[in-house]
Amino acid sequence: MNVSHIQALKRAVSTYAPPLFWAIRHSRRILHKGRNDRLQNGLAPWKAKFIRDFGFVVQSGPFSGMTFHSSAVPETYLPMLTGSYEAQTHGFIESALARDPSVIVDVGCEAGYVAVGLARRAPGAQIYGFDIDAGCRAKTTALARLNRVGNVVVEGECTPERLDALCTGHPLVFCDCEGYEFDLLDPVKAPNLAGADIIVELHDFMRTDVDITPTIEARFAATHDIEIVGVGTRAPQDYPCLADFPESVRGRALHENRIAYQQWAYLRTKAR
């Protein structure tokens, strides 16, 4: 069953049997959290070893060498420190950086992993990180200070109008905003998106009221070349920092507990 079929089924259930839909969604959230908690707890001794060996420095990927927030062992997230986090986007990031963006907008910057990572990779660009959570904004600011990058500005909500105003020159938009991408990435509301490269995490699984992926594809079909990738597996041998881990642990250390049909898209503007 593909994403569109799953979305249609979810919409039908949410429309005709709302109590059942919300019961299923609530149960899945509990199961998902429980599964992830068990995974993270089981990795605790290996997280401690990783921190002893490498500290909180990202070991590979596009943000290799960045120092991430120090945290207690239970809260440490190995995919970020190994550099395997959202590996599906790494090729997109390298392709977009090769096009020399002058402005980079990260919508949903959370703790600053992407915003500050991109700031280190593109020191000549102006970086804007947006998050509606004040705690996330404070973490992004702190991470920029920790990595001594001064080209990061952190703001709250990103509206289409604000995004349009920032998308001048050679813009790159990185978007991970939990379904809000449907409302934000609209070239009618933000015409300057026609000239922007866009990397977006697609959250069809979080909304039943709209079809996010096909709508975004249709909106940008004339102005962008579009590539979409789904969840893939990691090859532990690609991460030498895990070489001292038992083979049975390496795969779990890279596991991100993703929805099976989650997707990311790279929209590469034809204007450049």
C-alpha atoms as a PDB file:
ATOM      1  CA  MET A   1       0.000   0.000   0.000  1.00  0.00           C
ATOM      2  CA  ASN A   2       1.516   3.332  -1.055  1.00  0.00           C
ATOM      3  CA  VAL A   3       1.343   6.682   0.730  1.00  0.00           C
ATOM      4  CA  SER A   4      -1.716   7.927  -1.169  1.00  0.00           C
ATOM      5  CA  HIS A   5      -3.677   4.764  -0.360  1.00  0.00           C
ATOM      6  CA  ILE A   6      -2.740   4.978   3.315  1.00  0.00           C
ATOM      7  CA  GLN A   7      -3.733   8.646   3.393  1.00  0.00           C
ATOM      8  CA  ALA A   8      -7.100   7.881   1.745  1.00  0.00           C
ATOM      9  CA  LEU A   9      -7.781   5.125   4.274  1.00  0.00           C
ATOM     10  CA  LYS A  10      -6.914   7.387   7.203  1.00  0.00           C
ATOM     11  CA  ARG A  11      -9.136  10.155   5.850  1.00  0.00           C
ATOM     12  CA  ALA A  12     -12.052   7.758   5.451  1.00  0.00           C
ATOM     13  CA  VAL A  13     -11.708   6.462   8.999  1.00  0.00           C
ATOM     14  CA  SER A  14     -11.295   9.971  10.458  1.00  0.00           C
ATOM     15  CA  THR A  15     -14.377  11.178   8.544  1.00  0.00           C
ATOM     16  CA  TYR A  16     -16.777   8.318   9.178  1.00  0.00           C
ATOM     17  CA  ALA A  17     -15.526   6.952  12.496  1.00  0.00           C
ATOM     18  CA  PRO A  18     -13.753   9.766  14.373  1.00  0.00           C
ATOM     19  CA  PRO A  19     -13.661   8.006  17.782  1.00  0.00           C
ATOM     20  CA  LEU A  20     -12.054   4.944  16.195  1.00  0.00           C
ATOM     21  CA  PHE A  21      -9.550   7.102  14.325  1.00  0.00           C
ATOM     22  CA  TRP A  22      -8.419   8.979  17.430  1.00  0.00           C
ATOM     23  CA  ALA A  23      -8.277   5.778  19.475  1.00  0.00           C
ATOM     24  CA  ILE A  24      -6.027   4.196  16.852  1.00  0.00           C
ATOM     25  CA  ARG A  25      -3.832   7.297  16.635  1.00  0.00           C
ATOM     26  CA  HIS A  26      -3.517   7.521  20.421  1.00  0.00           C
ATOM     27  CA  SER A  27      -2.623   3.825  20.683  1.00  0.00           C
ATOM     28  CA  ARG A  28      -0.014   4.136  17.944  1.00  0.00           C
ATOM     29  CA  ARG A  29       1.595   7.103  19.694  1.00  0.00           C
ATOM     30  CA  ILE A  30       1.840   5.139  22.935  1.00  0.00           C
ATOM     31  CA  LEU A  31       3.293   2.099  21.166  1.00  0.00           C
ATOM     32  CA  HIS A  32       5.717   4.264  19.181  1.00  0.00           C
ATOM     33  CA  LYS A  33       6.945   6.050  22.304  1.00  0.00           C
ATOM     34  CA  GLY A  34       7.263   2.807  24.248  1.00  0.00           C
ATOM     35  CA  ARG A  35       9.256   1.177  21.462  1.00  0.00           C
ATOM     36  CA  ASN A  36      11.596   4.153  21.225  1.00  0.00           C
ATOM     37  CA  ASP A  37      12.022   4.374  25.009  1.00  0.00           C
ATOM     38  CA  ARG A  38      13.014   0.704  25.164  1.00  0.00           C
ATOM     39  CA  LEU A  39      15.485   1.193  22.315  1.00  0.00           C
ATOM     40  CA  GLN A  40      17.096   4.247  23.899  1.00  0.00           C
ATOM     41  CA  ASN A  41      17.276   2.685  27.360  1.00  0.00           C
ATOM     42  CA  GLY A  42      18.930  -0.423  25.944  1.00  0.00           C
ATOM     43  CA  LEU A  43      21.574   1.730  24.292  1.00  0.00           C
ATOM     44  CA  ALA A  44      22.524   3.565  27.493  1.00  0.00           C
ATOM     45  CA  PRO A  45      25.911   1.843  28.081  1.00  0.00           C
ATOM     46  CA  TRP A  46      26.848   2.297  24.429  1.00  0.00           C
ATOM     47  CA  LYS A  47      25.869   5.942  24.506  1.00  0.00           C
ATOM     48  CA  ALA A  48      28.150   6.386  27.504  1.00  0.00           C
ATOM     49  CA  LYS A  49      30.997   4.706  25.614  1.00  0.00           C
ATOM     50  CA  PHE A  50      30.422   6.905  22.561  1.00  0.00           C
ATOM     51  CA  ILE A  51      30.555  10.042  24.700  1.00  0.00           C
ATOM     52  CA  ARG A  52      33.783   8.873  26.356  1.00  0.00           C
ATOM     53  CA  ASP A  53      35.337   8.235  22.955  1.00  0.00           C
ATOM     54  CA  PHE A  54      34.086  11.210  20.953  1.00  0.00           C
ATOM     55  CA  GLY A  55      32.354  13.662  23.262  1.00  0.00           C
ATOM     56  CA  PHE A  56      29.478  15.487  21.601  1.00  0.00           C
ATOM     57  CA  VAL A  57      31.194  16.081  18.262  1.00  0.00           C
ATOM     58  CA  VAL A  58      29.306  14.922  15.152  1.00  0.00           C
ATOM     59  CA  GLN A  59      31.423  12.242  13.505  1.00  0.00           C
ATOM     60  CA  SER A  60      30.260  12.140   9.870  1.00  0.00           C
ATOM     61  CA  GLY A  61      27.698  13.432   7.396  1.00  0.00           C
ATOM     62  CA  PRO A  62      27.233  17.004   6.177  1.00  0.00           C
ATOM     63  CA  PHE A  63      27.674  18.430   9.677  1.00  0.00           C
ATOM     64  CA  SER A  64      30.782  16.468  10.638  1.00  0.00           C
ATOM     65  CA  GLY A  65      32.870  18.328  13.202  1.00  0.00           C
ATOM     66  CA  MET A  66      30.004  20.297  14.694  1.00  0.00           C
ATOM     67  CA  THR A  67      29.786  20.215  18.482  1.00  0.00           C
ATOM     68  CA  PHE A  68      26.255  19.355  19.578  1.00  0.00           C
ATOM     69  CA  HIS A  69      24.566  20.091  22.899  1.00  0.00           C
ATOM     70  CA  SER A  70      25.971  18.100  25.802  1.00  0.00           C
ATOM     71  CA  SER A  71      23.293  15.987  27.469  1.00  0.00           C
ATOM     72  CA  ALA A  72      22.838  13.234  30.002  1.00  0.00           C
ATOM     73  CA  VAL A  73      23.297   9.720  28.680  1.00  0.00           C
ATOM     74  CA  PRO A  74      19.538   8.878  28.562  1.00  0.00           C
ATOM     75  CA  GLU A  75      18.834  11.955  26.421  1.00  0.00           C
ATOM     76  CA  THR A  76      21.791  11.450  24.077  1.00  0.00           C
ATOM     77  CA  TYR A  77      20.643  10.633  20.538  1.00  0.00           C
ATOM     78  CA  LEU A  78      23.272   8.651  18.689  1.00  0.00           C
ATOM     79  CA  PRO A  79      22.033   9.215  15.096  1.00  0.00           C
ATOM     80  CA  MET A  80      22.837  12.915  15.490  1.00  0.00           C
ATOM     81  CA  LEU A  81      26.290  12.287  16.941  1.00  0.00           C
ATOM     82  CA  THR A  82      27.221   9.559  14.468  1.00  0.00           C
ATOM     83  CA  GLY A  83      26.103  11.898  11.684  1.00  0.00           C
ATOM     84  CA  SER A  84      23.605   9.394  10.306  1.00  0.00           C
ATOM     85  CA  TYR A  85      20.570  11.479  11.252  1.00  0.00           C
ATOM     86  CA  GLU A  86      18.129  11.834   8.332  1.00  0.00           C
ATOM     87  CA  ALA A  87      20.712  10.404   5.950  1.00  0.00           C
ATOM     88  CA  GLN A  88      18.039  10.542   3.238  1.00  0.00           C
ATOM     89  CA  THR A  89      18.612  14.296   3.064  1.00  0.00           C
ATOM     90  CA  HIS A  90      22.402  14.278   2.989  1.00  0.00           C
ATOM     91  CA  GLY A  91      22.670  14.117  -0.788  1.00  0.00           C
ATOM     92  CA  PHE A  92      20.066  16.872  -1.047  1.00  0.00           C
ATOM     93  CA  ILE A  93      22.048  19.049   1.363  1.00  0.00           C
ATOM     94  CA  GLU A  94      25.307  18.588  -0.523  1.00  0.00           C
ATOM     95  CA  SER A  95      23.624  19.345  -3.851  1.00  0.00           C
ATOM     96  CA  ALA A  96      21.975  22.470  -2.458  1.00  0.00           C
ATOM     97  CA  LEU A  97      25.190  23.730  -0.820  1.00  0.00           C
ATOM     98  CA  ALA A  98      27.055  23.245  -4.102  1.00  0.00           C
ATOM     99  CA  ARG A  99      24.685  25.831  -5.590  1.00  0.00           C
ATOM    100  CA  ASP A 100      26.117  28.450  -3.175  1.00  0.00           C
ATOM    101  CA  PRO A 101      23.013  29.694  -1.348  1.00  0.00           C
ATOM    102  CA  SER A 102      23.184  33.241  -0.057  1.00  0.00           C
ATOM    103  CA  VAL A 103      20.233  32.872   2.338  1.00  0.00           C
ATOM    104  CA  ILE A 104      19.247  29.697   4.193  1.00  0.00           C
ATOM    105  CA  VAL A 105      15.944  29.408   6.040  1.00  0.00           C
ATOM    106  CA  ASP A 106      15.416  26.496   8.451  1.00  0.00           C
ATOM    107  CA  VAL A 107      11.758  26.231   9.445  1.00  0.00           C
ATOM    108  CA  GLY A 108      11.325  24.021  12.482  1.00  0.00           C
ATOM    109  CA  CYS A 109      14.925  24.408  13.636  1.00  0.00           C
ATOM    110  CA  GLU A 110      14.333  22.636  16.963  1.00  0.00           C
ATOM    111  CA  ALA A 111      17.694  22.396  18.807  1.00  0.00           C
ATOM    112  CA  GLY A 112      19.661  23.922  15.919  1.00  0.00           C
ATOM    113  CA  TYR A 113      21.244  20.776  14.461  1.00  0.00           C
ATOM    114  CA  VAL A 114      20.505  21.732  10.848  1.00  0.00           C
ATOM    115  CA  ALA A 115      20.575  25.524  11.166  1.00  0.00           C
ATOM    116  CA  VAL A 116      23.961  25.617  12.861  1.00  0.00           C
ATOM    117  CA  GLY A 117      25.300  22.753  10.755  1.00  0.00           C
ATOM    118  CA  LEU A 118      24.421  24.687   7.607  1.00  0.00           C
ATOM    119  CA  ALA A 119      25.874  27.879   9.092  1.00  0.00           C
ATOM    120  CA  ARG A 120      29.212  26.100   9.516  1.00  0.00           C
ATOM    121  CA  ARG A 121      29.090  24.778   5.956  1.00  0.00           C
ATOM    122  CA  ALA A 122      28.021  28.081   4.390  1.00  0.00           C
ATOM    123  CA  PRO A 123      29.772  30.819   6.386  1.00  0.00           C
ATOM    124  CA  GLY A 124      29.028  33.386   3.686  1.00  0.00           C
ATOM    125  CA  ALA A 125      25.274  32.823   3.851  1.00  0.00           C
ATOM    126  CA  GLN A 126      22.782  34.384   6.236  1.00  0.00           C
ATOM    127  CA  ILE A 127      20.941  31.702   8.206  1.00  0.00           C
ATOM    128  CA  TYR A 128      17.454  32.114   9.656  1.00  0.00           C
ATOM    129  CA  GLY A 129      16.127  29.515  12.078  1.00  0.00           C
ATOM    130  CA  PHE A 130      12.429  29.467  12.932  1.00  0.00           C
ATOM    131  CA  ASP A 131      10.643  27.594  15.690  1.00  0.00           C
ATOM    132  CA  ILE A 132       7.425  28.309  17.570  1.00  0.00           C
ATOM    133  CA  ASP A 133       8.897  26.767  20.739  1.00  0.00           C
ATOM    134  CA  ALA A 134      10.853  29.249  22.867  1.00  0.00           C
ATOM    135  CA  GLY A 135      13.001  26.487  24.336  1.00  0.00           C
ATOM    136  CA  CYS A 136      14.052  25.364  20.865  1.00  0.00           C
ATOM    137  CA  ARG A 137      14.916  28.919  19.895  1.00  0.00           C
ATOM    138  CA  ALA A 138      17.111  29.246  22.992  1.00  0.00           C
ATOM    139  CA  LYS A 139      18.868  25.949  22.169  1.00  0.00           C
ATOM    140  CA  THR A 140      19.553  27.042  18.593  1.00  0.00           C
ATOM    141  CA  THR A 141      21.020  30.328  19.795  1.00  0.00           C
ATOM    142  CA  ALA A 142      23.171  28.468  22.333  1.00  0.00           C
ATOM    143  CA  LEU A 143      24.378  25.980  19.712  1.00  0.00           C
ATOM    144  CA  ALA A 144      25.374  28.793  17.360  1.00  0.00           C
ATOM    145  CA  ARG A 145      27.371  30.352  20.185  1.00  0.00           C
ATOM    146  CA  LEU A 146      28.958  27.005  21.079  1.00  0.00           C
ATOM    147  CA  ASN A 147      30.133  26.538  17.481  1.00  0.00           C
ATOM    148  CA  ARG A 148      31.184  30.178  17.127  1.00  0.00           C
ATOM    149  CA  VAL A 149      29.017  30.963  14.138  1.00  0.00           C
ATOM    150  CA  GLY A 150      27.648  34.480  13.960  1.00  0.00           C
ATOM    151  CA  ASN A 151      25.500  34.158  10.850  1.00  0.00           C
ATOM    152  CA  VAL A 152      22.418  32.659  12.544  1.00  0.00           C
ATOM    153  CA  VAL A 153      19.284  34.678  13.333  1.00  0.00           C
ATOM    154  CA  VAL A 154      16.561  32.888  15.323  1.00  0.00           C
ATOM    155  CA  GLU A 155      12.893  33.846  15.097  1.00  0.00           C
ATOM    156  CA  GLY A 156       9.501  32.448  16.115  1.00  0.00           C
ATOM    157  CA  GLU A 157       6.711  31.629  13.695  1.00  0.00           C
ATOM    158  CA  CYS A 158       7.518  31.649   9.979  1.00  0.00           C
ATOM    159  CA  THR A 159       4.614  32.894   7.897  1.00  0.00           C
ATOM    160  CA  PRO A 160       4.452  32.641   4.094  1.00  0.00           C
ATOM    161  CA  GLU A 161       4.888  36.404   3.967  1.00  0.00           C
ATOM    162  CA  ARG A 162       8.024  36.322   6.102  1.00  0.00           C
ATOM    163  CA  LEU A 163       9.413  33.422   4.096  1.00  0.00           C
ATOM    164  CA  ASP A 164       8.763  35.291   0.857  1.00  0.00           C
ATOM    165  CA  ALA A 165      10.609  38.344   2.155  1.00  0.00           C
ATOM    166  CA  LEU A 166      13.677  36.236   3.015  1.00  0.00           C
ATOM    167  CA  CYS A 167      13.810  34.295  -0.259  1.00  0.00           C
ATOM    168  CA  THR A 168      15.980  36.712  -2.196  1.00  0.00           C
ATOM    169  CA  GLY A 169      19.286  36.125  -3.926  1.00  0.00           C
ATOM    170  CA  HIS A 170      20.021  32.385  -3.958  1.00  0.00           C
ATOM    171  CA  PRO A 171      17.782  31.010  -1.204  1.00  0.00           C
ATOM    172  CA  LEU A 172      17.698  27.533   0.303  1.00  0.00           C
ATOM    173  CA  VAL A 173      14.716  26.540   2.446  1.00  0.00           C
ATOM    174  CA  PHE A 174      14.990  23.582   4.811  1.00  0.00           C
ATOM    175  CA  CYS A 175      11.570  22.709   6.182  1.00  0.00           C
ATOM    176  CA  ASP A 176      10.642  20.272   8.959  1.00  0.00           C
ATOM    177  CA  CYS A 177       7.490  21.679  10.508  1.00  0.00           C
ATOM    178  CA  GLU A 178       5.145  18.787  11.286  1.00  0.00           C
ATOM    179  CA  GLY A 179       2.597  19.245   8.497  1.00  0.00           C
ATOM    180  CA  TYR A 180       2.703  23.054   8.343  1.00  0.00           C
ATOM    181  CA  GLU A 181       4.688  22.696   5.117  1.00  0.00           C
ATOM    182  CA  PHE A 182       1.333  22.419   3.313  1.00  0.00           C
ATOM    183  CA  ASP A 183       0.392  25.946   4.423  1.00  0.00           C
ATOM    184  CA  LEU A 184       3.880  27.459   4.225  1.00  0.00           C
ATOM    185  CA  LEU A 185       5.268  26.190   0.920  1.00  0.00           C
ATOM    186  CA  ASP A 186       2.746  27.905  -1.306  1.00  0.00           C
ATOM    187  CA  PRO A 187       4.113  29.911  -4.253  1.00  0.00           C
ATOM    188  CA  VAL A 188       0.866  31.857  -4.469  1.00  0.00           C
ATOM    189  CA  LYS A 189       1.422  33.207  -0.953  1.00  0.00           C
ATOM    190  CA  ALA A 190       5.225  33.298  -1.307  1.00  0.00           C
ATOM    191  CA  PRO A 191       6.096  33.900  -5.000  1.00  0.00           C
ATOM    192  CA  ASN A 192       9.847  34.068  -4.309  1.00  0.00           C
ATOM    193  CA  LEU A 193       9.805  30.331  -3.580  1.00  0.00           C
ATOM    194  CA  ALA A 194       9.953  29.873  -7.354  1.00  0.00           C
ATOM    195  CA  GLY A 195      13.643  30.773  -7.154  1.00  0.00           C
ATOM    196  CA  ALA A 196      14.440  28.809  -3.991  1.00  0.00           C
ATOM    197  CA  ASP A 197      15.893  25.355  -3.532  1.00  0.00           C
ATOM    198  CA  ILE A 198      13.731  23.526  -0.987  1.00  0.00           C
ATOM    199  CA  ILE A 199      14.424  20.474   1.166  1.00  0.00           C
ATOM    200  CA  VAL A 200      11.282  19.420   3.003  1.00  0.00           C
ATOM    201  CA  GLU A 201      10.275  16.591   5.296  1.00  0.00           C
ATOM    202  CA  LEU A 202       6.798  15.534   4.241  1.00  0.00           C
ATOM    203  CA  HIS A 203       4.291  14.786   6.991  1.00  0.00           C
ATOM    204  CA  ASP A 204       1.358  13.203   5.201  1.00  0.00           C
ATOM    205  CA  PHE A 205       1.053  10.789   8.107  1.00  0.00           C
ATOM    206  CA  MET A 206       0.284  13.671  10.493  1.00  0.00           C
ATOM    207  CA  ARG A 207      -2.649  15.217   8.598  1.00  0.00           C
ATOM    208  CA  THR A 208      -5.807  13.726   7.181  1.00  0.00           C
ATOM    209  CA  ASP A 209      -7.416  16.983   6.047  1.00  0.00           C
ATOM    210  CA  VAL A 210      -5.077  17.526   3.079  1.00  0.00           C
ATOM    211  CA  ASP A 211      -2.790  15.613   0.704  1.00  0.00           C
ATOM    212  CA  ILE A 212       0.574  17.211   1.369  1.00  0.00           C
ATOM    213  CA  THR A 213       2.930  15.477  -1.053  1.00  0.00           C
ATOM    214  CA  PRO A 214       0.850  15.530  -4.249  1.00  0.00           C
ATOM    215  CA  THR A 215      -0.186  19.135  -3.574  1.00  0.00           C
ATOM    216  CA  ILE A 216       3.399  20.337  -3.129  1.00  0.00           C
ATOM    217  CA  GLU A 217       4.474  18.406  -6.213  1.00  0.00           C
ATOM    218  CA  ALA A 218       1.738  20.096  -8.253  1.00  0.00           C
ATOM    219  CA  ARG A 219       2.531  23.554  -6.883  1.00  0.00           C
ATOM    220  CA  PHE A 220       6.191  23.379  -7.911  1.00  0.00           C
ATOM    221  CA  ALA A 221       6.098  21.119 -10.966  1.00  0.00           C
ATOM    222  CA  ALA A 222       6.612  23.993 -13.409  1.00  0.00           C
ATOM    223  CA  THR A 223       9.417  25.732 -11.504  1.00  0.00           C
ATOM    224  CA  HIS A 224      11.409  22.924  -9.894  1.00  0.00           C
ATOM    225  CA  ASP A 225      12.924  19.532 -10.540  1.00  0.00           C
ATOM    226  CA  ILE A 226      11.543  17.326  -7.773  1.00  0.00           C
ATOM    227  CA  GLU A 227      13.076  14.253  -6.168  1.00  0.00           C
ATOM    228  CA  ILE A 228      11.361  12.319  -3.380  1.00  0.00           C
ATOM    229  CA  VAL A 229      12.957   9.660  -1.166  1.00  0.00           C
ATOM    230  CA  GLY A 230      11.546   7.432   1.543  1.00  0.00           C
ATOM    231  CA  VAL A 231      12.884   5.846   4.699  1.00  0.00           C
ATOM    232  CA  GLY A 232      15.936   3.706   4.026  1.00  0.00           C
ATOM    233  CA  THR A 233      18.278   1.514   6.027  1.00  0.00           C
ATOM    234  CA  ARG A 234      21.706   2.510   7.319  1.00  0.00           C
ATOM    235  CA  ALA A 235      24.844   0.481   6.685  1.00  0.00           C
ATOM    236  CA  PRO A 236      26.746   0.329  10.008  1.00  0.00           C
ATOM    237  CA  GLN A 237      30.040  -0.142   8.187  1.00  0.00           C
ATOM    238  CA  ASP A 238      29.653   3.379   6.817  1.00  0.00           C
ATOM    239  CA  TYR A 239      30.125   4.746  10.349  1.00  0.00           C
ATOM    240  CA  PRO A 240      33.637   3.935  11.636  1.00  0.00           C
ATOM    241  CA  CYS A 241      32.822   5.596  14.958  1.00  0.00           C
ATOM    242  CA  LEU A 242      30.727   2.498  15.746  1.00  0.00           C
ATOM    243  CA  ALA A 243      33.498   0.026  14.905  1.00  0.00           C
ATOM    244  CA  ASP A 244      34.008  -0.893  18.573  1.00  0.00           C
ATOM    245  CA  PHE A 245      30.303  -1.589  19.093  1.00  0.00           C
ATOM    246  CA  PRO A 246      29.047  -5.180  18.841  1.00  0.00           C
ATOM    247  CA  GLU A 247      27.480  -5.893  15.480  1.00  0.00           C
ATOM    248  CA  SER A 248      24.105  -6.439  17.149  1.00  0.00           C
ATOM    249  CA  VAL A 249      24.236  -2.907  18.588  1.00  0.00           C
ATOM    250  CA  ARG A 250      25.375  -0.917  15.544  1.00  0.00           C
ATOM    251  CA  GLY A 251      22.064  -1.086  13.690  1.00  0.00           C
ATOM    252  CA  ARG A 252      20.138  -0.074  16.792  1.00  0.00           C
ATOM    253  CA  ALA A 253      22.494   2.853  17.340  1.00  0.00           C
ATOM    254  CA  LEU A 254      21.535   4.215  13.903  1.00  0.00           C
ATOM    255  CA  HIS A 255      17.817   3.480  14.203  1.00  0.00           C
ATOM    256  CA  GLU A 256      15.520   6.552  14.122  1.00  0.00           C
ATOM    257  CA  ASN A 257      12.175   4.814  14.719  1.00  0.00           C
ATOM    258  CA  ARG A 258      10.574   6.385  11.652  1.00  0.00           C
ATOM    259  CA  ILE A 259       7.131   5.833  10.164  1.00  0.00           C
ATOM    260  CA  ALA A 260       7.633   3.317   7.360  1.00  0.00           C
ATOM    261  CA  TYR A 261       6.131   5.542   4.667  1.00  0.00           C
ATOM    262  CA  GLN A 262       7.736   8.850   5.710  1.00  0.00           C
ATOM    263  CA  GLN A 263       9.250  10.854   2.837  1.00  0.00           C
ATOM    264  CA  TRP A 264      11.528  13.791   2.090  1.00  0.00           C
ATOM    265  CA  ALA A 265      11.634  15.923  -1.059  1.00  0.00           C
ATOM    266  CA  TYR A 266      14.266  18.053  -2.758  1.00  0.00           C
ATOM    267  CA  LEU A 267      12.793  20.757  -4.959  1.00  0.00           C
ATOM    268  CA  ARG A 268      15.589  22.151  -7.103  1.00  0.00           C
ATOM    269  CA  THR A 269      14.677  25.445  -8.723  1.00  0.00           C
ATOM    270  CA  LYS A 270      15.050  25.696 -12.489  1.00  0.00           C
ATOM    271  CA  ALA A 271      15.749  29.415 -12.142  1.00  0.00           C
ATOM    272  CA  ARG A 272      19.461  28.775 -11.471  1.00  0.00           C
END
